[in-house]
Protein backbone atom coordinates (compact mmCIF):
# COMPACT_ATOMS: atom_id res chain seq x y z
CA MET A 1 3.12 -21.85 15.34
CA LEU A 2 3.75 -24.13 12.35
CA LYS A 3 3.41 -21.17 9.96
CA LYS A 4 5.97 -19.18 11.95
CA LEU A 5 8.39 -22.12 12.01
CA MET A 6 8.09 -22.51 8.23
CA ALA A 7 8.78 -18.79 7.78
CA VAL A 8 11.93 -19.07 9.93
CA LEU A 9 13.17 -22.05 7.90
CA LEU A 10 12.51 -20.28 4.61
CA LEU A 11 14.25 -17.15 5.82
CA THR A 12 17.21 -19.16 7.04
CA GLY A 13 17.62 -20.58 3.56
CA LEU A 14 17.31 -17.16 1.97
CA ALA A 15 19.81 -15.69 4.41
CA VAL A 16 22.33 -18.43 3.61
CA LEU A 17 22.02 -17.70 -0.11
CA SER A 18 22.30 -13.98 0.55
CA LEU A 19 25.39 -14.26 2.73
CA ALA A 20 27.05 -16.81 0.49
CA GLY A 21 26.67 -14.50 -2.48
CA CYS A 22 25.50 -17.35 -4.62
CA GLY A 23 23.76 -20.65 -4.19
CA SER A 24 23.31 -23.56 -6.49
CA ASN A 25 22.85 -22.12 -9.97
CA THR A 26 22.26 -18.53 -8.78
CA ALA A 27 24.19 -15.34 -9.48
CA ASP A 28 24.77 -12.61 -6.89
CA ASN A 29 24.44 -9.66 -9.31
CA SER A 30 22.82 -8.92 -12.65
CA MET A 31 26.13 -8.30 -14.40
CA THR A 32 27.20 -11.95 -14.09
CA ALA A 33 23.70 -13.45 -14.28
CA THR A 34 22.77 -15.78 -17.11
CA ARG A 35 19.71 -17.85 -17.94
CA GLU A 36 21.48 -20.85 -16.44
CA ASP A 37 22.72 -18.93 -13.37
CA PRO A 38 20.09 -16.21 -12.83
CA LEU A 39 19.87 -13.47 -10.23
CA VAL A 40 16.91 -14.56 -8.10
CA LEU A 41 15.01 -11.77 -6.35
CA THR A 42 12.70 -12.78 -3.52
CA LEU A 43 9.43 -10.84 -3.22
CA ALA A 44 7.46 -11.49 -0.01
CA HIS A 45 4.03 -10.10 0.85
CA GLY A 46 0.94 -10.83 2.92
CA LEU A 47 -1.75 -10.78 0.26
CA SER A 48 -3.63 -13.73 -1.18
CA GLU A 49 -2.95 -14.99 -4.68
CA THR A 50 -6.34 -13.73 -5.83
CA HIS A 51 -5.70 -10.13 -4.74
CA THR A 52 -5.37 -7.62 -7.58
CA VAL A 53 -2.00 -6.43 -6.26
CA HIS A 54 -0.58 -9.97 -6.17
CA ILE A 55 -1.77 -10.47 -9.75
CA ALA A 56 -0.03 -7.23 -10.74
CA MET A 57 3.20 -8.33 -9.05
CA LYS A 58 2.98 -11.70 -10.82
CA GLN A 59 2.76 -9.82 -14.12
CA PHE A 60 5.80 -7.78 -13.04
CA ALA A 61 7.77 -10.96 -12.30
CA ASP A 62 6.82 -12.54 -15.62
CA GLU A 63 7.80 -9.45 -17.61
CA VAL A 64 11.15 -9.12 -15.81
CA ALA A 65 11.98 -12.72 -16.71
CA GLU A 66 10.93 -12.15 -20.32
CA ARG A 67 12.74 -8.83 -20.77
CA THR A 68 15.98 -10.17 -19.26
CA GLU A 69 15.72 -13.51 -21.09
CA GLY A 70 15.66 -15.33 -17.78
CA ARG A 71 18.78 -13.66 -16.33
CA ILE A 72 16.71 -12.05 -13.55
CA GLN A 73 13.91 -14.00 -11.88
CA VAL A 74 11.47 -12.77 -9.25
CA LYS A 75 10.32 -15.48 -6.84
CA ILE A 76 7.11 -14.50 -5.02
CA PHE A 77 6.15 -15.68 -1.52
CA PRO A 78 2.51 -14.57 -0.94
CA ASN A 79 0.09 -15.11 1.97
CA GLY A 80 2.49 -13.94 4.66
CA GLN A 81 4.69 -17.01 4.23
CA LEU A 82 7.73 -15.00 5.35
CA GLY A 83 5.98 -12.88 7.96
CA ASN A 84 3.76 -9.83 8.16
CA GLU A 85 4.31 -6.48 6.44
CA ASN A 86 6.53 -5.03 9.18
CA GLU A 87 8.60 -8.19 9.39
CA ASN A 88 9.03 -8.29 5.61
CA MET A 89 10.23 -4.69 5.64
CA GLU A 90 12.80 -5.49 8.34
CA GLN A 91 13.98 -8.46 6.30
CA LEU A 92 14.28 -6.22 3.24
CA MET A 93 16.34 -3.63 5.11
CA ALA A 94 18.70 -6.41 6.17
CA GLY A 95 19.00 -7.59 2.56
CA VAL A 96 17.58 -11.05 3.38
CA ILE A 97 14.72 -10.57 0.91
CA ALA A 98 14.89 -8.35 -2.16
CA MET A 99 11.37 -6.91 -2.38
CA THR A 100 8.11 -6.53 -0.57
CA LYS A 101 4.76 -4.78 -0.77
CA VAL A 102 4.10 -2.23 1.95
CA SER A 103 1.42 0.41 2.53
CA ALA A 104 3.15 3.72 1.76
CA PRO A 105 2.85 5.25 5.27
CA GLY A 106 4.65 2.20 6.63
CA LEU A 107 7.81 3.53 4.99
CA ALA A 108 7.74 6.66 7.20
CA THR A 109 9.86 4.75 9.75
CA TYR A 110 12.69 5.03 7.25
CA ASN A 111 11.82 8.26 5.40
CA GLU A 112 9.43 10.73 7.05
CA ALA A 113 8.11 12.05 3.73
CA TYR A 114 6.04 8.85 3.48
CA HIS A 115 3.87 10.09 6.38
CA THR A 116 2.21 12.24 3.73
CA PHE A 117 0.44 9.31 2.09
CA GLY A 118 -1.52 8.57 5.25
CA LEU A 119 -2.87 12.11 5.63
CA PRO A 120 -6.43 13.10 4.68
CA TYR A 121 -7.34 14.90 1.47
CA ILE A 122 -3.83 15.03 0.02
CA PHE A 123 -5.32 14.27 -3.40
CA ASN A 124 -8.38 15.92 -4.92
CA ASP A 125 -9.76 12.85 -6.67
CA THR A 126 -8.65 9.72 -8.52
CA LYS A 127 -7.56 11.65 -11.61
CA ASP A 128 -5.41 13.94 -9.49
CA PHE A 129 -3.97 10.93 -7.60
CA TYR A 130 -2.87 9.23 -10.81
CA LYS A 131 -1.42 12.41 -12.29
CA VAL A 132 0.74 13.01 -9.24
CA MET A 133 1.77 9.41 -8.63
CA ASP A 134 2.72 8.84 -12.28
CA SER A 135 4.69 12.09 -12.53
CA GLU A 136 8.41 12.23 -13.13
CA LYS A 137 8.81 14.17 -9.90
CA MET A 138 7.26 11.35 -7.87
CA ARG A 139 9.21 8.69 -9.76
CA ASP A 140 12.44 10.57 -9.05
CA PHE A 141 11.54 10.70 -5.36
CA PHE A 142 10.74 6.99 -5.31
CA THR A 143 14.23 6.08 -6.54
CA SER A 144 16.07 8.66 -4.42
CA THR A 145 15.96 6.87 -1.07
CA SER A 146 18.87 4.42 -1.37
CA ALA A 147 20.52 6.07 1.63
CA ASP A 148 17.44 5.13 3.64
CA GLY A 149 17.91 1.46 2.75
CA PHE A 150 15.28 1.00 0.03
CA VAL A 151 13.99 2.25 -3.30
CA THR A 152 10.37 2.28 -4.41
CA LEU A 153 9.83 0.67 -7.81
CA THR A 154 6.18 1.60 -8.25
CA TYR A 155 2.86 2.04 -6.48
CA TYR A 156 -0.49 0.29 -6.66
CA THR A 157 -3.75 2.08 -6.00
CA SER A 158 -5.87 0.85 -3.12
CA GLY A 159 -8.68 3.25 -3.93
CA ALA A 160 -10.26 5.95 -1.81
CA ARG A 161 -11.09 5.23 1.82
CA SER A 162 -14.49 6.26 3.20
CA PHE A 163 -16.48 5.76 6.40
CA TYR A 164 -19.15 3.10 6.73
CA MET A 165 -21.46 2.36 9.64
CA LYS A 166 -24.13 -0.15 10.64
CA ASP A 167 -27.07 2.18 10.00
CA LYS A 168 -25.85 5.78 9.98
CA ALA A 169 -24.75 8.08 7.17
CA ILE A 170 -21.64 10.22 7.68
CA ARG A 171 -22.20 13.45 5.77
CA THR A 172 -20.22 15.86 7.99
CA PRO A 173 -17.63 15.45 10.77
CA ALA A 174 -20.42 16.12 13.28
CA ASP A 175 -21.89 12.73 12.36
CA LEU A 176 -18.77 11.02 13.74
CA VAL A 177 -18.90 12.60 17.19
CA GLY A 178 -19.29 9.94 19.85
CA SER A 179 -18.67 7.07 17.43
CA LYS A 180 -15.95 4.46 17.89
CA ILE A 181 -14.28 4.01 14.51
CA ARG A 182 -11.70 1.39 13.63
CA VAL A 183 -8.55 2.81 12.06
CA GLN A 184 -5.30 1.28 10.92
CA ASN A 185 -2.47 1.33 13.41
CA MET A 186 -1.04 4.53 11.93
CA LYS A 187 -0.52 7.78 13.80
CA SER A 188 -1.95 9.73 10.86
CA GLN A 189 -5.24 7.81 10.99
CA THR A 190 -5.54 8.10 14.77
CA ASP A 191 -4.87 11.85 14.56
CA MET A 192 -7.38 12.20 11.73
CA MET A 193 -10.16 10.56 13.72
CA LYS A 194 -9.48 12.79 16.72
CA ALA A 195 -9.59 15.87 14.47
CA LEU A 196 -12.94 14.73 13.09
CA GLY A 197 -14.44 14.20 16.53
CA GLY A 198 -14.64 10.42 16.50
CA THR A 199 -12.95 7.95 18.82
CA PRO A 200 -10.19 6.03 17.01
CA VAL A 201 -9.83 2.32 17.76
CA ALA A 202 -6.70 0.86 16.19
CA MET A 203 -6.97 -2.83 15.36
CA SER A 204 -5.95 -5.32 12.70
CA TYR A 205 -8.14 -5.82 9.66
CA GLY A 206 -8.91 -9.38 10.68
CA GLU A 207 -10.59 -8.19 13.90
CA VAL A 208 -12.94 -5.71 12.24
CA TYR A 209 -15.84 -8.00 11.31
CA THR A 210 -16.39 -9.47 14.77
CA SER A 211 -15.80 -6.07 16.40
CA LEU A 212 -18.56 -4.58 14.24
CA GLN A 213 -20.87 -7.46 15.10
CA SER A 214 -20.26 -7.21 18.84
CA GLY A 215 -20.42 -3.43 19.00
CA ILE A 216 -16.82 -2.92 20.09
CA ILE A 217 -16.73 -0.42 17.22
CA ASP A 218 -19.58 1.49 15.58
CA GLY A 219 -18.00 1.69 12.15
CA THR A 220 -14.80 1.66 10.18
CA GLU A 221 -13.20 3.12 7.06
CA ASN A 222 -11.85 1.46 3.97
CA ASN A 223 -12.37 1.18 0.22
CA GLU A 224 -15.49 -0.45 -1.22
CA THR A 225 -13.97 -3.91 -1.67
CA ALA A 226 -13.87 -4.40 2.11
CA LEU A 227 -17.66 -4.59 2.06
CA THR A 228 -17.52 -7.76 -0.03
CA THR A 229 -14.13 -9.43 0.40
CA GLY A 230 -14.15 -8.70 4.13
CA LYS A 231 -17.92 -9.31 4.40
CA HIS A 232 -18.29 -5.98 6.24
CA GLY A 233 -21.41 -5.28 4.17
CA GLU A 234 -23.15 -8.03 6.13
CA VAL A 235 -23.00 -5.77 9.19
CA CYS A 236 -22.57 -2.21 7.89
CA LYS A 237 -25.39 -1.02 5.67
CA VAL A 238 -24.42 2.61 5.00
CA TYR A 239 -21.27 3.55 3.06
CA SER A 240 -20.62 7.32 2.92
CA MET A 241 -18.37 8.52 0.07
CA ASP A 242 -16.28 11.08 1.94
CA GLN A 243 -13.11 9.63 0.32
CA HIS A 244 -10.87 11.09 3.00
CA ALA A 245 -7.69 9.25 2.03
CA MET A 246 -6.00 7.57 -0.93
CA ILE A 247 -3.26 5.41 0.57
CA PRO A 248 -1.21 3.61 -2.09
CA ASP A 249 0.61 0.33 -1.71
CA THR A 250 4.25 0.43 -2.76
CA LEU A 251 6.56 -2.16 -4.28
CA VAL A 252 9.95 -1.60 -2.68
CA MET A 253 13.39 -3.12 -3.15
CA SER A 254 16.32 -3.34 -0.75
CA ALA A 255 19.02 -0.79 -1.58
CA LYS A 256 21.61 -3.50 -0.90
CA VAL A 257 20.07 -5.59 -3.68
CA TRP A 258 19.44 -2.60 -5.99
CA GLU A 259 23.19 -1.90 -6.00
CA LYS A 260 23.81 -5.40 -7.40
CA ILE A 261 21.81 -4.60 -10.53
CA SER A 262 23.27 -2.83 -13.56
CA PRO A 263 21.78 0.53 -14.62
CA GLU A 264 20.36 -1.13 -17.74
CA ASP A 265 18.68 -3.87 -15.72
CA GLN A 266 17.48 -1.34 -13.15
CA GLN A 267 15.63 0.45 -15.93
CA ILE A 268 14.09 -2.81 -17.14
CA ILE A 269 12.86 -3.54 -13.62
CA LEU A 270 11.40 -0.04 -13.27
CA ASP A 271 9.68 -0.29 -16.67
CA CYS A 272 8.16 -3.67 -15.80
CA ALA A 273 7.01 -2.41 -12.40
CA ARG A 274 5.31 0.62 -13.95
CA HIS A 275 3.65 -1.55 -16.61
CA SER A 276 2.18 -3.68 -13.82
CA THR A 277 0.78 -0.51 -12.21
CA ASP A 278 -0.98 0.44 -15.44
CA GLU A 279 -2.59 -2.99 -15.67
CA HIS A 280 -3.54 -2.88 -12.01
CA LYS A 281 -5.48 0.36 -12.49
CA VAL A 282 -7.80 -1.41 -14.93
CA ALA A 283 -8.22 -4.41 -12.63
CA TRP A 284 -8.85 -2.15 -9.64
CA ASP A 285 -11.58 -0.17 -11.39
CA ALA A 286 -13.31 -3.42 -12.29
CA ALA A 287 -12.99 -4.69 -8.71
CA ILE A 288 -14.54 -1.50 -7.29
CA GLU A 289 -17.41 -1.58 -9.76
CA GLU A 290 -18.10 -5.23 -8.94
CA ALA A 291 -17.88 -4.60 -5.17
CA ILE A 292 -20.39 -1.74 -5.27
CA LYS A 293 -22.82 -3.78 -7.34
CA GLU A 294 -22.55 -6.82 -5.05
CA ALA A 295 -22.84 -4.72 -1.89
CA GLN A 296 -25.97 -3.00 -3.18
CA GLU A 297 -27.74 -5.96 -4.73
CA LYS A 298 -26.77 -8.82 -2.42
CA MET A 299 -26.02 -7.11 0.90
CA GLY A 300 -28.43 -4.20 0.87
CA VAL A 301 -25.76 -1.54 1.38
CA THR A 302 -26.76 2.06 0.68
CA PHE A 303 -24.10 4.35 -0.82
CA VAL A 304 -24.30 7.99 0.27
CA TYR A 305 -22.83 10.52 -2.16
CA ASP A 306 -24.06 13.88 -0.79
CA VAL A 307 -21.12 14.22 1.61
CA ASP A 308 -19.73 17.63 2.58
CA LYS A 309 -16.08 16.99 1.72
CA GLU A 310 -15.16 20.64 2.32
CA ALA A 311 -16.29 20.27 5.94
CA PHE A 312 -13.98 17.27 6.32
CA ARG A 313 -11.11 19.17 4.71
CA ALA A 314 -11.63 22.12 7.05
CA ALA A 315 -11.76 19.85 10.10
CA THR A 316 -8.40 18.27 9.25
CA ALA A 317 -6.59 21.41 8.00
CA ASP A 318 -4.87 22.11 11.34
CA MET A 319 -3.70 18.51 11.49
CA LEU A 320 -1.94 18.87 8.14
CA GLU A 321 -0.19 22.03 9.32
CA GLU A 322 0.98 20.22 12.47
CA TYR A 323 2.46 17.41 10.37
CA LYS A 324 4.25 19.91 8.13
CA ASP A 325 5.77 21.57 11.20
CA LYS A 326 6.74 18.32 12.90
CA TYR A 327 8.02 16.49 9.82
CA PRO A 328 9.93 18.68 7.31
CA GLY A 329 9.80 15.77 4.85
CA VAL A 330 6.01 16.05 4.76
CA GLY A 331 6.28 19.70 3.79
CA ARG A 332 8.69 18.82 1.00
CA MET A 333 6.39 16.04 -0.24
CA LEU A 334 3.37 18.33 -0.25
CA ALA A 335 5.41 20.83 -2.29
CA LEU A 336 6.38 18.04 -4.70
CA ILE A 337 2.72 17.05 -5.08
CA ALA A 338 1.74 20.66 -5.80
CA ALA A 339 4.54 20.98 -8.38
CA ALA A 340 3.53 17.71 -10.07
CA ARG A 341 -0.01 19.05 -10.50
CA GLU A 342 1.29 22.08 -12.37
CA VAL A 343 3.08 20.05 -15.05
CA GLN A 344 0.96 19.88 -18.20
């Protein structure tokens, strides 16, 4: 209750500054901003200050301040201080906050093409993922959605998601039949589990550990860091590398705020955001390596690599076709991804 009250008070202050156009010693656009009267951009997210994505966003904020000589400053509110991911996105659309971090499929509410990022086996592997996501075609798409109320500045990898169970390897979709598997509250993940023969159970990340312990669910799916940071490796002892999805996080800005920034400063912001992505890739690789080592050596988790990925692809092929038919934006995004692969 106290946390929610604090969030309301903080938002009230931000809204006043936003509606007033300027507060004490703040500018309302980058063209009039100076070091003494900077344009202050609020970035709210739900991650901890030790998370690799928060660290990347802190680097982004520092570089923006340096490159603009203090004219533009990014003020970060981590740990859900201003609400959860959905609430932050609503605040961003209203122009109350400038930026937030959101899982890419969460943007499908505003632009259906973002459904694509929650679908299984859209990318072949990590190398393919980076090639597509760093392509000019994807960057052009990211900055093309002002009419939808936001622009995407960059993405951050959250690795490949795989299934893990208490004591059972998942080598083919048949191994999931009859199992209750936690999924994120996304239609794409629920549909995927149904296509694979499992029973999807949508719940928040914070409920997963106790649900695994009590048997409410038989397993879940996530990247390797969940075994250690979420302590899931204390309960689940078999991690099967099916790598069914690569769902990026995105750093997005309100279109209302974006319009207050000069083209020159927009480019600086984009450059700084992309630099933070490059640094995050290195940090993420190190985090995954450390998580696997800790899970194996301290938690006794077995990693299964002889997974029949083609069987999983085949089982979800009809689902992809259904999404293409239902959401034309998904079809266009899949075409963009294919075109980005072809560029040498």
